[in-house]
Amino acid sequence: MKRWFLAALMLPALCLCTACHKREEAGTPGKLRVVTTLFPLYDFARQIGGSKADVRLLLPPGVEPHGYEPRPDDMVRVNRADLFVFTNRYMEPWAAKIIGALDNGKVTVVDAGRGVKLLKAGSEAEDDGHHEAGSVDPHIWLDFDNARIMVDNMLAGFVARDPANRAYYSANAAAYKAQLAALDQRFKAGLSQCGTREFLHGGHYAFGYLAKRYGLRYESAYAVNADAEPTAAKLAGLIRQMRAHGLKYVYTEELLSPRVAETIARETGAGVLHLHGAHNISKEDLDRGVTFISLMDENLKNLRIGLQCR
């Protein structure tokens, strides 16, 4: 009797939760349904879509994206969308599994990185279009010119799927590209007069585009995909480099343990600062409405400290 009574009490709550989940998956009626892989795309899509789009981030908050494996419910969410947006096949190789499972013609797929000139996971530009996985730096959004190209590619997807609202989406995209151009100018001005143009990073190789755009020298502890721990020789080399060049700070990043950066800092007496690659954000950041531009402005502040800029 007691079990029956408890079950009766719980049933309405369970039904309510199920209904809420269904409403969440279905999206808001009358709005363009957009699913994006990474946080930059999510934020760009929100800026373009405004009040006429229901934009969802596929990655759960706080999850590192490089080695992510799509779940069955991810496939369901994307199949219910109007647009599915990913960065490029190097950043999210797992997106191919999702795209391959889509019902043909029902979901418009947007390759946001189309037309962007890729860099090696080092310093030289690649332009022949033939790259091996792991040899390419896929973090294209950290060059804000690339970010504007990505916005244009995404805008084309929005308009193709919802041509009646072309003017609305186009105006939003133009306004956001102006914000990205202003961000670029803040970086150029803020990093123009610095005591050093070199920074070391105890994370994976994520900031090559940013370094190239602003004439900085950049070294990271991990490879581009962060799958392998840095070797003892690599770590010793970074410590020697910090000492030889008189660098006062080493950088750490979101989603990876700060242990390597903290080890370098202990050995050299350097401070530790944070750089955000914006791949993904925490649930707390998501809830408080953090934006791509606010993350980049915080990066500029920390770069100016580390590079001893005036």
C-alpha atoms as a PDB file:
ATOM      1  CA  MET A   1       0.000   0.000   0.000  1.00  0.00           C
ATOM      2  CA  LYS A   2       2.848   2.389   0.916  1.00  0.00           C
ATOM      3  CA  ARG A   3       4.636   1.622  -2.380  1.00  0.00           C
ATOM      4  CA  TRP A   4       1.457   2.300  -4.363  1.00  0.00           C
ATOM      5  CA  PHE A   5       0.981   5.620  -2.524  1.00  0.00           C
ATOM      6  CA  LEU A   6       4.593   6.735  -3.241  1.00  0.00           C
ATOM      7  CA  ALA A   7       4.272   5.757  -6.896  1.00  0.00           C
ATOM      8  CA  ALA A   8       1.062   7.774  -7.187  1.00  0.00           C
ATOM      9  CA  LEU A   9       2.835  10.815  -5.737  1.00  0.00           C
ATOM     10  CA  MET A  10       5.816  10.481  -8.094  1.00  0.00           C
ATOM     11  CA  LEU A  11       3.885   9.867 -11.308  1.00  0.00           C
ATOM     12  CA  PRO A  12       2.827  13.496 -11.955  1.00  0.00           C
ATOM     13  CA  ALA A  13       6.408  14.692 -11.414  1.00  0.00           C
ATOM     14  CA  LEU A  14       7.749  12.061 -13.796  1.00  0.00           C
ATOM     15  CA  CYS A  15       5.202  12.995 -16.422  1.00  0.00           C
ATOM     16  CA  LEU A  16       6.045  16.673 -16.015  1.00  0.00           C
ATOM     17  CA  CYS A  17       9.779  15.988 -16.463  1.00  0.00           C
ATOM     18  CA  THR A  18       9.073  13.890 -19.576  1.00  0.00           C
ATOM     19  CA  ALA A  19       6.891  16.617 -21.036  1.00  0.00           C
ATOM     20  CA  CYS A  20       9.572  19.258 -20.323  1.00  0.00           C
ATOM     21  CA  HIS A  21      12.209  17.082 -22.004  1.00  0.00           C
ATOM     22  CA  LYS A  22      10.017  16.648 -25.077  1.00  0.00           C
ATOM     23  CA  ARG A  23       9.370  20.381 -25.284  1.00  0.00           C
ATOM     24  CA  GLU A  24      13.109  21.067 -24.971  1.00  0.00           C
ATOM     25  CA  GLU A  25      13.964  18.649 -27.786  1.00  0.00           C
ATOM     26  CA  ALA A  26      11.182  19.943 -30.012  1.00  0.00           C
ATOM     27  CA  GLY A  27      12.366  23.550 -29.681  1.00  0.00           C
ATOM     28  CA  THR A  28      10.223  26.669 -29.835  1.00  0.00           C
ATOM     29  CA  PRO A  29       7.411  26.512 -32.421  1.00  0.00           C
ATOM     30  CA  GLY A  30       7.831  28.939 -35.302  1.00  0.00           C
ATOM     31  CA  LYS A  31      11.571  29.408 -34.796  1.00  0.00           C
ATOM     32  CA  LEU A  32      14.420  28.074 -36.897  1.00  0.00           C
ATOM     33  CA  ARG A  33      15.934  25.132 -35.013  1.00  0.00           C
ATOM     34  CA  VAL A  34      19.745  25.286 -34.975  1.00  0.00           C
ATOM     35  CA  VAL A  35      22.194  22.830 -33.388  1.00  0.00           C
ATOM     36  CA  THR A  36      25.894  23.723 -33.231  1.00  0.00           C
ATOM     37  CA  THR A  37      28.864  21.625 -32.152  1.00  0.00           C
ATOM     38  CA  LEU A  38      31.099  24.127 -30.319  1.00  0.00           C
ATOM     39  CA  PHE A  39      30.600  27.247 -28.235  1.00  0.00           C
ATOM     40  CA  PRO A  40      31.863  29.830 -30.803  1.00  0.00           C
ATOM     41  CA  LEU A  41      29.364  28.520 -33.339  1.00  0.00           C
ATOM     42  CA  TYR A  42      26.624  28.528 -30.714  1.00  0.00           C
ATOM     43  CA  ASP A  43      27.306  32.158 -29.859  1.00  0.00           C
ATOM     44  CA  PHE A  44      27.615  33.210 -33.517  1.00  0.00           C
ATOM     45  CA  ALA A  45      24.321  31.460 -34.295  1.00  0.00           C
ATOM     46  CA  ARG A  46      22.579  33.218 -31.410  1.00  0.00           C
ATOM     47  CA  GLN A  47      23.786  36.561 -32.748  1.00  0.00           C
ATOM     48  CA  ILE A  48      22.604  35.817 -36.299  1.00  0.00           C
ATOM     49  CA  GLY A  49      19.328  34.148 -35.360  1.00  0.00           C
ATOM     50  CA  GLY A  50      18.237  36.559 -32.647  1.00  0.00           C
ATOM     51  CA  SER A  51      14.593  36.112 -31.708  1.00  0.00           C
ATOM     52  CA  LYS A  52      13.838  34.020 -34.800  1.00  0.00           C
ATOM     53  CA  ALA A  53      16.039  31.020 -33.972  1.00  0.00           C
ATOM     54  CA  ASP A  54      16.171  28.399 -31.232  1.00  0.00           C
ATOM     55  CA  VAL A  55      19.907  27.657 -30.928  1.00  0.00           C
ATOM     56  CA  ARG A  56      21.252  24.651 -29.003  1.00  0.00           C
ATOM     57  CA  LEU A  57      24.817  23.629 -28.136  1.00  0.00           C
ATOM     58  CA  LEU A  58      25.420  19.935 -28.830  1.00  0.00           C
ATOM     59  CA  LEU A  59      28.393  19.523 -26.463  1.00  0.00           C
ATOM     60  CA  PRO A  60      27.431  19.194 -22.806  1.00  0.00           C
ATOM     61  CA  PRO A  61      28.887  22.079 -20.753  1.00  0.00           C
ATOM     62  CA  GLY A  62      32.468  21.496 -19.630  1.00  0.00           C
ATOM     63  CA  VAL A  63      33.174  18.630 -22.066  1.00  0.00           C
ATOM     64  CA  GLU A  64      36.443  18.736 -24.044  1.00  0.00           C
ATOM     65  CA  PRO A  65      35.468  18.532 -27.733  1.00  0.00           C
ATOM     66  CA  HIS A  66      38.461  17.003 -29.519  1.00  0.00           C
ATOM     67  CA  GLY A  67      37.760  13.414 -28.568  1.00  0.00           C
ATOM     68  CA  TYR A  68      34.011  13.692 -28.076  1.00  0.00           C
ATOM     69  CA  GLU A  69      31.893  10.718 -29.115  1.00  0.00           C
ATOM     70  CA  PRO A  70      28.329  11.528 -30.240  1.00  0.00           C
ATOM     71  CA  ARG A  71      25.578   9.855 -28.220  1.00  0.00           C
ATOM     72  CA  PRO A  72      22.331   8.425 -29.629  1.00  0.00           C
ATOM     73  CA  ASP A  73      20.370  11.394 -28.272  1.00  0.00           C
ATOM     74  CA  ASP A  74      22.767  13.728 -30.130  1.00  0.00           C
ATOM     75  CA  MET A  75      21.686  12.078 -33.377  1.00  0.00           C
ATOM     76  CA  VAL A  76      18.043  12.589 -32.432  1.00  0.00           C
ATOM     77  CA  ARG A  77      18.565  16.270 -31.590  1.00  0.00           C
ATOM     78  CA  VAL A  78      20.361  17.000 -34.858  1.00  0.00           C
ATOM     79  CA  ASN A  79      17.780  15.116 -36.920  1.00  0.00           C
ATOM     80  CA  ARG A  80      15.082  17.357 -35.415  1.00  0.00           C
ATOM     81  CA  ALA A  81      16.989  20.522 -36.327  1.00  0.00           C
ATOM     82  CA  ASP A  82      16.712  22.712 -39.410  1.00  0.00           C
ATOM     83  CA  LEU A  83      20.437  23.581 -39.351  1.00  0.00           C
ATOM     84  CA  PHE A  84      23.431  21.651 -38.077  1.00  0.00           C
ATOM     85  CA  VAL A  85      26.631  23.736 -37.846  1.00  0.00           C
ATOM     86  CA  PHE A  86      30.175  22.401 -37.324  1.00  0.00           C
ATOM     87  CA  THR A  87      33.626  24.017 -37.554  1.00  0.00           C
ATOM     88  CA  ASN A  88      35.622  21.753 -39.860  1.00  0.00           C
ATOM     89  CA  ARG A  89      36.495  18.091 -40.245  1.00  0.00           C
ATOM     90  CA  TYR A  90      39.735  18.525 -38.284  1.00  0.00           C
ATOM     91  CA  MET A  91      38.142  20.132 -35.230  1.00  0.00           C
ATOM     92  CA  GLU A  92      35.189  17.749 -34.996  1.00  0.00           C
ATOM     93  CA  PRO A  93      36.007  14.563 -36.911  1.00  0.00           C
ATOM     94  CA  TRP A  94      33.122  13.000 -34.960  1.00  0.00           C
ATOM     95  CA  ALA A  95      30.677  15.317 -36.749  1.00  0.00           C
ATOM     96  CA  ALA A  96      30.997  13.039 -39.789  1.00  0.00           C
ATOM     97  CA  LYS A  97      29.182  10.300 -37.866  1.00  0.00           C
ATOM     98  CA  ILE A  98      26.291  12.649 -37.206  1.00  0.00           C
ATOM     99  CA  ILE A  99      26.153  13.950 -40.769  1.00  0.00           C
ATOM    100  CA  GLY A 100      26.258  10.410 -42.152  1.00  0.00           C
ATOM    101  CA  ALA A 101      23.238   9.446 -40.061  1.00  0.00           C
ATOM    102  CA  LEU A 102      21.048  12.413 -41.077  1.00  0.00           C
ATOM    103  CA  ASP A 103      17.910  12.012 -43.136  1.00  0.00           C
ATOM    104  CA  ASN A 104      18.821  13.401 -46.552  1.00  0.00           C
ATOM    105  CA  GLY A 105      17.388  16.834 -47.213  1.00  0.00           C
ATOM    106  CA  LYS A 106      15.730  17.314 -43.832  1.00  0.00           C
ATOM    107  CA  VAL A 107      18.668  19.045 -42.114  1.00  0.00           C
ATOM    108  CA  THR A 108      20.843  21.718 -43.709  1.00  0.00           C
ATOM    109  CA  VAL A 109      24.510  21.116 -42.797  1.00  0.00           C
ATOM    110  CA  VAL A 110      26.777  24.169 -42.524  1.00  0.00           C
ATOM    111  CA  ASP A 111      30.564  23.778 -42.677  1.00  0.00           C
ATOM    112  CA  ALA A 112      31.365  27.065 -40.924  1.00  0.00           C
ATOM    113  CA  GLY A 113      35.070  26.864 -41.799  1.00  0.00           C
ATOM    114  CA  ARG A 114      34.569  26.676 -45.553  1.00  0.00           C
ATOM    115  CA  GLY A 115      37.018  29.014 -47.316  1.00  0.00           C
ATOM    116  CA  VAL A 116      39.274  29.597 -44.305  1.00  0.00           C
ATOM    117  CA  LYS A 117      43.009  29.219 -44.924  1.00  0.00           C
ATOM    118  CA  LEU A 118      44.241  26.546 -42.535  1.00  0.00           C
ATOM    119  CA  LEU A 119      47.495  26.603 -40.608  1.00  0.00           C
ATOM    120  CA  LYS A 120      49.667  23.678 -39.691  1.00  0.00           C
ATOM    121  CA  ALA A 121      49.751  22.695 -36.043  1.00  0.00           C
ATOM    122  CA  GLY A 122      52.937  24.743 -35.920  1.00  0.00           C
ATOM    123  CA  SER A 123      53.493  28.038 -37.647  1.00  0.00           C
ATOM    124  CA  GLU A 124      53.397  27.608 -41.438  1.00  0.00           C
ATOM    125  CA  ALA A 125      50.267  28.182 -43.487  1.00  0.00           C
ATOM    126  CA  GLU A 126      48.744  25.266 -45.387  1.00  0.00           C
ATOM    127  CA  ASP A 127      46.989  26.003 -48.633  1.00  0.00           C
ATOM    128  CA  ASP A 128      47.015  22.855 -50.765  1.00  0.00           C
ATOM    129  CA  GLY A 129      43.902  21.413 -49.103  1.00  0.00           C
ATOM    130  CA  HIS A 130      45.518  18.026 -48.404  1.00  0.00           C
ATOM    131  CA  HIS A 131      46.176  17.542 -44.711  1.00  0.00           C
ATOM    132  CA  GLU A 132      46.544  14.643 -42.334  1.00  0.00           C
ATOM    133  CA  ALA A 133      44.533  14.647 -39.116  1.00  0.00           C
ATOM    134  CA  GLY A 134      46.643  16.119 -36.336  1.00  0.00           C
ATOM    135  CA  SER A 135      48.839  18.136 -38.711  1.00  0.00           C
ATOM    136  CA  VAL A 136      46.352  21.007 -38.977  1.00  0.00           C
ATOM    137  CA  ASP A 137      45.418  23.611 -36.402  1.00  0.00           C
ATOM    138  CA  PRO A 138      41.597  23.539 -36.447  1.00  0.00           C
ATOM    139  CA  HIS A 139      41.009  26.453 -34.021  1.00  0.00           C
ATOM    140  CA  ILE A 140      40.174  28.863 -36.807  1.00  0.00           C
ATOM    141  CA  TRP A 141      37.847  31.141 -34.791  1.00  0.00           C
ATOM    142  CA  LEU A 142      40.826  32.568 -32.859  1.00  0.00           C
ATOM    143  CA  ASP A 143      41.674  34.692 -35.891  1.00  0.00           C
ATOM    144  CA  PHE A 144      38.777  37.153 -35.881  1.00  0.00           C
ATOM    145  CA  ASP A 145      38.903  37.534 -39.664  1.00  0.00           C
ATOM    146  CA  ASN A 146      38.190  33.804 -39.798  1.00  0.00           C
ATOM    147  CA  ALA A 147      35.378  34.296 -37.309  1.00  0.00           C
ATOM    148  CA  ARG A 148      33.790  36.754 -39.733  1.00  0.00           C
ATOM    149  CA  ILE A 149      34.068  34.214 -42.562  1.00  0.00           C
ATOM    150  CA  MET A 150      32.380  31.683 -40.299  1.00  0.00           C
ATOM    151  CA  VAL A 151      29.543  34.131 -39.618  1.00  0.00           C
ATOM    152  CA  ASP A 152      29.082  34.597 -43.387  1.00  0.00           C
ATOM    153  CA  ASN A 153      28.952  30.828 -43.955  1.00  0.00           C
ATOM    154  CA  MET A 154      26.423  30.434 -41.174  1.00  0.00           C
ATOM    155  CA  LEU A 155      24.346  33.338 -42.488  1.00  0.00           C
ATOM    156  CA  ALA A 156      24.115  31.571 -45.856  1.00  0.00           C
ATOM    157  CA  GLY A 157      22.708  28.522 -44.066  1.00  0.00           C
ATOM    158  CA  PHE A 158      20.154  30.589 -42.158  1.00  0.00           C
ATOM    159  CA  VAL A 159      18.989  32.329 -45.327  1.00  0.00           C
ATOM    160  CA  ALA A 160      18.843  29.109 -47.364  1.00  0.00           C
ATOM    161  CA  ARG A 161      16.615  27.535 -44.739  1.00  0.00           C
ATOM    162  CA  ASP A 162      14.507  30.594 -43.929  1.00  0.00           C
ATOM    163  CA  PRO A 163      14.638  33.010 -46.907  1.00  0.00           C
ATOM    164  CA  ALA A 164      11.625  34.988 -45.663  1.00  0.00           C
ATOM    165  CA  ASN A 165      13.811  36.395 -42.851  1.00  0.00           C
ATOM    166  CA  ARG A 166      16.877  37.121 -44.999  1.00  0.00           C
ATOM    167  CA  ALA A 167      16.945  40.842 -44.132  1.00  0.00           C
ATOM    168  CA  TYR A 168      16.695  40.162 -40.392  1.00  0.00           C
ATOM    169  CA  TYR A 169      19.492  37.578 -40.347  1.00  0.00           C
ATOM    170  CA  SER A 170      21.689  39.683 -42.639  1.00  0.00           C
ATOM    171  CA  ALA A 171      21.364  42.771 -40.435  1.00  0.00           C
ATOM    172  CA  ASN A 172      22.208  40.739 -37.315  1.00  0.00           C
ATOM    173  CA  ALA A 173      25.239  39.161 -39.002  1.00  0.00           C
ATOM    174  CA  ALA A 174      26.523  42.547 -40.203  1.00  0.00           C
ATOM    175  CA  ALA A 175      26.176  44.017 -36.699  1.00  0.00           C
ATOM    176  CA  TYR A 176      28.024  41.084 -35.165  1.00  0.00           C
ATOM    177  CA  LYS A 177      30.821  41.215 -37.751  1.00  0.00           C
ATOM    178  CA  ALA A 178      31.274  44.873 -36.806  1.00  0.00           C
ATOM    179  CA  GLN A 179      31.699  43.768 -33.182  1.00  0.00           C
ATOM    180  CA  LEU A 180      34.315  41.217 -34.262  1.00  0.00           C
ATOM    181  CA  ALA A 181      36.142  43.908 -36.255  1.00  0.00           C
ATOM    182  CA  ALA A 182      36.151  46.156 -33.178  1.00  0.00           C
ATOM    183  CA  LEU A 183      37.489  43.239 -31.103  1.00  0.00           C
ATOM    184  CA  ASP A 184      40.281  42.777 -33.651  1.00  0.00           C
ATOM    185  CA  GLN A 185      41.186  46.458 -33.338  1.00  0.00           C
ATOM    186  CA  ARG A 186      41.313  46.176 -29.534  1.00  0.00           C
ATOM    187  CA  PHE A 187      43.770  43.280 -29.865  1.00  0.00           C
ATOM    188  CA  LYS A 188      45.923  45.134 -32.403  1.00  0.00           C
ATOM    189  CA  ALA A 189      46.092  48.239 -30.225  1.00  0.00           C
ATOM    190  CA  GLY A 190      46.453  46.360 -26.942  1.00  0.00           C
ATOM    191  CA  LEU A 191      49.306  44.144 -28.174  1.00  0.00           C
ATOM    192  CA  SER A 192      51.178  46.782 -30.173  1.00  0.00           C
ATOM    193  CA  GLN A 193      53.692  47.827 -27.492  1.00  0.00           C
ATOM    194  CA  CYS A 194      54.793  44.909 -25.330  1.00  0.00           C
ATOM    195  CA  GLY A 195      57.972  43.947 -23.523  1.00  0.00           C
ATOM    196  CA  THR A 196      57.983  40.519 -25.176  1.00  0.00           C
ATOM    197  CA  ARG A 197      56.121  38.966 -28.089  1.00  0.00           C
ATOM    198  CA  GLU A 198      56.474  35.407 -26.848  1.00  0.00           C
ATOM    199  CA  PHE A 199      54.085  33.350 -24.742  1.00  0.00           C
ATOM    200  CA  LEU A 200      54.178  29.766 -23.497  1.00  0.00           C
ATOM    201  CA  HIS A 201      51.131  27.699 -22.851  1.00  0.00           C
ATOM    202  CA  GLY A 202      50.846  24.604 -20.665  1.00  0.00           C
ATOM    203  CA  GLY A 203      47.893  23.315 -22.684  1.00  0.00           C
ATOM    204  CA  HIS A 204      47.298  21.993 -26.202  1.00  0.00           C
ATOM    205  CA  TYR A 205      48.198  23.831 -29.411  1.00  0.00           C
ATOM    206  CA  ALA A 206      45.164  26.111 -29.713  1.00  0.00           C
ATOM    207  CA  PHE A 207      46.398  29.673 -30.163  1.00  0.00           C
ATOM    208  CA  GLY A 208      48.360  29.500 -33.416  1.00  0.00           C
ATOM    209  CA  TYR A 209      45.883  31.671 -35.342  1.00  0.00           C
ATOM    210  CA  LEU A 210      45.814  34.324 -32.643  1.00  0.00           C
ATOM    211  CA  ALA A 211      49.622  34.374 -32.433  1.00  0.00           C
ATOM    212  CA  LYS A 212      50.062  34.655 -36.206  1.00  0.00           C
ATOM    213  CA  ARG A 213      47.520  37.467 -36.547  1.00  0.00           C
ATOM    214  CA  TYR A 214      49.184  39.661 -33.919  1.00  0.00           C
ATOM    215  CA  GLY A 215      52.813  38.825 -34.616  1.00  0.00           C
ATOM    216  CA  LEU A 216      53.410  36.745 -31.495  1.00  0.00           C
ATOM    217  CA  ARG A 217      55.629  33.696 -30.930  1.00  0.00           C
ATOM    218  CA  TYR A 218      53.750  30.812 -29.360  1.00  0.00           C
ATOM    219  CA  GLU A 219      54.724  27.451 -27.867  1.00  0.00           C
ATOM    220  CA  SER A 220      52.487  24.852 -26.236  1.00  0.00           C
ATOM    221  CA  ALA A 221      53.172  21.824 -24.074  1.00  0.00           C
ATOM    222  CA  TYR A 222      50.654  19.506 -25.763  1.00  0.00           C
ATOM    223  CA  ALA A 223      50.046  18.688 -29.413  1.00  0.00           C
ATOM    224  CA  VAL A 224      47.018  20.074 -31.213  1.00  0.00           C
ATOM    225  CA  ASN A 225      44.658  17.303 -30.075  1.00  0.00           C
ATOM    226  CA  ALA A 226      45.789  17.108 -26.431  1.00  0.00           C
ATOM    227  CA  ASP A 227      45.659  13.286 -26.532  1.00  0.00           C
ATOM    228  CA  ALA A 228      49.233  12.711 -25.349  1.00  0.00           C
ATOM    229  CA  GLU A 229      50.956  14.093 -22.262  1.00  0.00           C
ATOM    230  CA  PRO A 230      54.043  16.219 -22.997  1.00  0.00           C
ATOM    231  CA  THR A 231      57.274  14.273 -22.678  1.00  0.00           C
ATOM    232  CA  ALA A 232      59.821  15.025 -19.973  1.00  0.00           C
ATOM    233  CA  ALA A 233      62.131  16.418 -22.671  1.00  0.00           C
ATOM    234  CA  LYS A 234      59.399  18.736 -23.940  1.00  0.00           C
ATOM    235  CA  LEU A 235      58.670  19.969 -20.435  1.00  0.00           C
ATOM    236  CA  ALA A 236      62.369  20.551 -19.723  1.00  0.00           C
ATOM    237  CA  GLY A 237      62.688  22.480 -22.982  1.00  0.00           C
ATOM    238  CA  LEU A 238      59.782  24.769 -22.057  1.00  0.00           C
ATOM    239  CA  ILE A 239      61.333  25.423 -18.650  1.00  0.00           C
ATOM    240  CA  ARG A 240      64.667  26.320 -20.284  1.00  0.00           C
ATOM    241  CA  GLN A 241      62.850  28.590 -22.734  1.00  0.00           C
ATOM    242  CA  MET A 242      61.009  30.377 -19.923  1.00  0.00           C
ATOM    243  CA  ARG A 243      64.284  31.013 -18.083  1.00  0.00           C
ATOM    244  CA  ALA A 244      66.345  31.963 -21.140  1.00  0.00           C
ATOM    245  CA  HIS A 245      63.800  34.500 -22.383  1.00  0.00           C
ATOM    246  CA  GLY A 246      62.885  35.895 -18.993  1.00  0.00           C
ATOM    247  CA  LEU A 247      59.174  35.095 -19.349  1.00  0.00           C
ATOM    248  CA  LYS A 248      57.238  35.953 -16.224  1.00  0.00           C
ATOM    249  CA  TYR A 249      54.006  34.042 -16.895  1.00  0.00           C
ATOM    250  CA  VAL A 250      52.874  30.719 -18.320  1.00  0.00           C
ATOM    251  CA  TYR A 251      49.329  30.173 -19.555  1.00  0.00           C
ATOM    252  CA  THR A 252      46.769  27.498 -18.808  1.00  0.00           C
ATOM    253  CA  GLU A 253      43.414  26.876 -20.511  1.00  0.00           C
ATOM    254  CA  GLU A 254      39.851  25.727 -19.983  1.00  0.00           C
ATOM    255  CA  LEU A 255      38.905  22.025 -19.952  1.00  0.00           C
ATOM    256  CA  LEU A 256      42.471  20.766 -19.388  1.00  0.00           C
ATOM    257  CA  SER A 257      44.197  20.265 -16.049  1.00  0.00           C
ATOM    258  CA  PRO A 258      46.503  23.178 -15.135  1.00  0.00           C
ATOM    259  CA  ARG A 259      49.070  20.711 -13.782  1.00  0.00           C
ATOM    260  CA  VAL A 260      51.651  21.204 -16.567  1.00  0.00           C
ATOM    261  CA  ALA A 261      51.462  25.002 -16.404  1.00  0.00           C
ATOM    262  CA  GLU A 262      51.745  24.872 -12.618  1.00  0.00           C
ATOM    263  CA  THR A 263      54.820  22.617 -12.867  1.00  0.00           C
ATOM    264  CA  ILE A 264      56.516  25.080 -15.249  1.00  0.00           C
ATOM    265  CA  ALA A 265      55.576  27.950 -12.941  1.00  0.00           C
ATOM    266  CA  ARG A 266      57.054  26.186  -9.891  1.00  0.00           C
ATOM    267  CA  GLU A 267      60.318  25.465 -11.692  1.00  0.00           C
ATOM    268  CA  THR A 268      60.731  28.995 -13.052  1.00  0.00           C
ATOM    269  CA  GLY A 269      59.065  31.202 -10.445  1.00  0.00           C
ATOM    270  CA  ALA A 270      56.589  32.380 -13.081  1.00  0.00           C
ATOM    271  CA  GLY A 271      52.964  33.276 -12.517  1.00  0.00           C
ATOM    272  CA  VAL A 272      50.035  31.413 -14.092  1.00  0.00           C
ATOM    273  CA  LEU A 273      47.448  33.168 -16.267  1.00  0.00           C
ATOM    274  CA  HIS A 274      44.435  31.834 -18.127  1.00  0.00           C
ATOM    275  CA  LEU A 275      43.730  31.867 -21.867  1.00  0.00           C
ATOM    276  CA  HIS A 276      40.342  30.666 -23.072  1.00  0.00           C
ATOM    277  CA  GLY A 277      40.214  28.841 -26.386  1.00  0.00           C
ATOM    278  CA  ALA A 278      36.377  29.054 -26.302  1.00  0.00           C
ATOM    279  CA  HIS A 279      35.885  25.451 -27.461  1.00  0.00           C
ATOM    280  CA  ASN A 280      33.288  24.972 -24.736  1.00  0.00           C
ATOM    281  CA  ILE A 281      32.299  26.600 -21.463  1.00  0.00           C
ATOM    282  CA  SER A 282      31.167  25.492 -18.031  1.00  0.00           C
ATOM    283  CA  LYS A 283      27.509  25.258 -17.045  1.00  0.00           C
ATOM    284  CA  GLU A 284      28.018  28.252 -14.767  1.00  0.00           C
ATOM    285  CA  ASP A 285      29.362  30.342 -17.666  1.00  0.00           C
ATOM    286  CA  LEU A 286      26.535  29.155 -19.899  1.00  0.00           C
ATOM    287  CA  ASP A 287      23.929  30.083 -17.275  1.00  0.00           C
ATOM    288  CA  ARG A 288      25.366  33.566 -16.774  1.00  0.00           C
ATOM    289  CA  GLY A 289      25.437  34.319 -20.493  1.00  0.00           C
ATOM    290  CA  VAL A 290      29.160  34.419 -21.219  1.00  0.00           C
ATOM    291  CA  THR A 291      29.852  35.388 -24.840  1.00  0.00           C
ATOM    292  CA  PHE A 292      32.667  34.706 -27.272  1.00  0.00           C
ATOM    293  CA  ILE A 293      33.615  38.398 -27.273  1.00  0.00           C
ATOM    294  CA  SER A 294      33.669  38.624 -23.466  1.00  0.00           C
ATOM    295  CA  LEU A 295      35.982  35.583 -23.335  1.00  0.00           C
ATOM    296  CA  MET A 296      38.289  37.146 -25.912  1.00  0.00           C
ATOM    297  CA  ASP A 297      38.391  40.474 -24.051  1.00  0.00           C
ATOM    298  CA  GLU A 298      39.484  38.572 -20.945  1.00  0.00           C
ATOM    299  CA  ASN A 299      42.166  36.857 -23.051  1.00  0.00           C
ATOM    300  CA  LEU A 300      43.431  40.269 -24.198  1.00  0.00           C
ATOM    301  CA  LYS A 301      43.654  41.449 -20.597  1.00  0.00           C
ATOM    302  CA  ASN A 302      45.733  38.404 -19.605  1.00  0.00           C
ATOM    303  CA  LEU A 303      47.928  38.558 -22.702  1.00  0.00           C
ATOM    304  CA  ARG A 304      48.749  42.193 -21.937  1.00  0.00           C
ATOM    305  CA  ILE A 305      49.853  41.173 -18.435  1.00  0.00           C
ATOM    306  CA  GLY A 306      51.922  38.226 -19.630  1.00  0.00           C
ATOM    307  CA  LEU A 307      53.520  40.090 -22.523  1.00  0.00           C
ATOM    308  CA  GLN A 308      54.235  43.138 -20.353  1.00  0.00           C
ATOM    309  CA  CYS A 309      52.372  45.517 -22.629  1.00  0.00           C
ATOM    310  CA  ARG A 310      52.119  49.257 -22.100  1.00  0.00           C
END
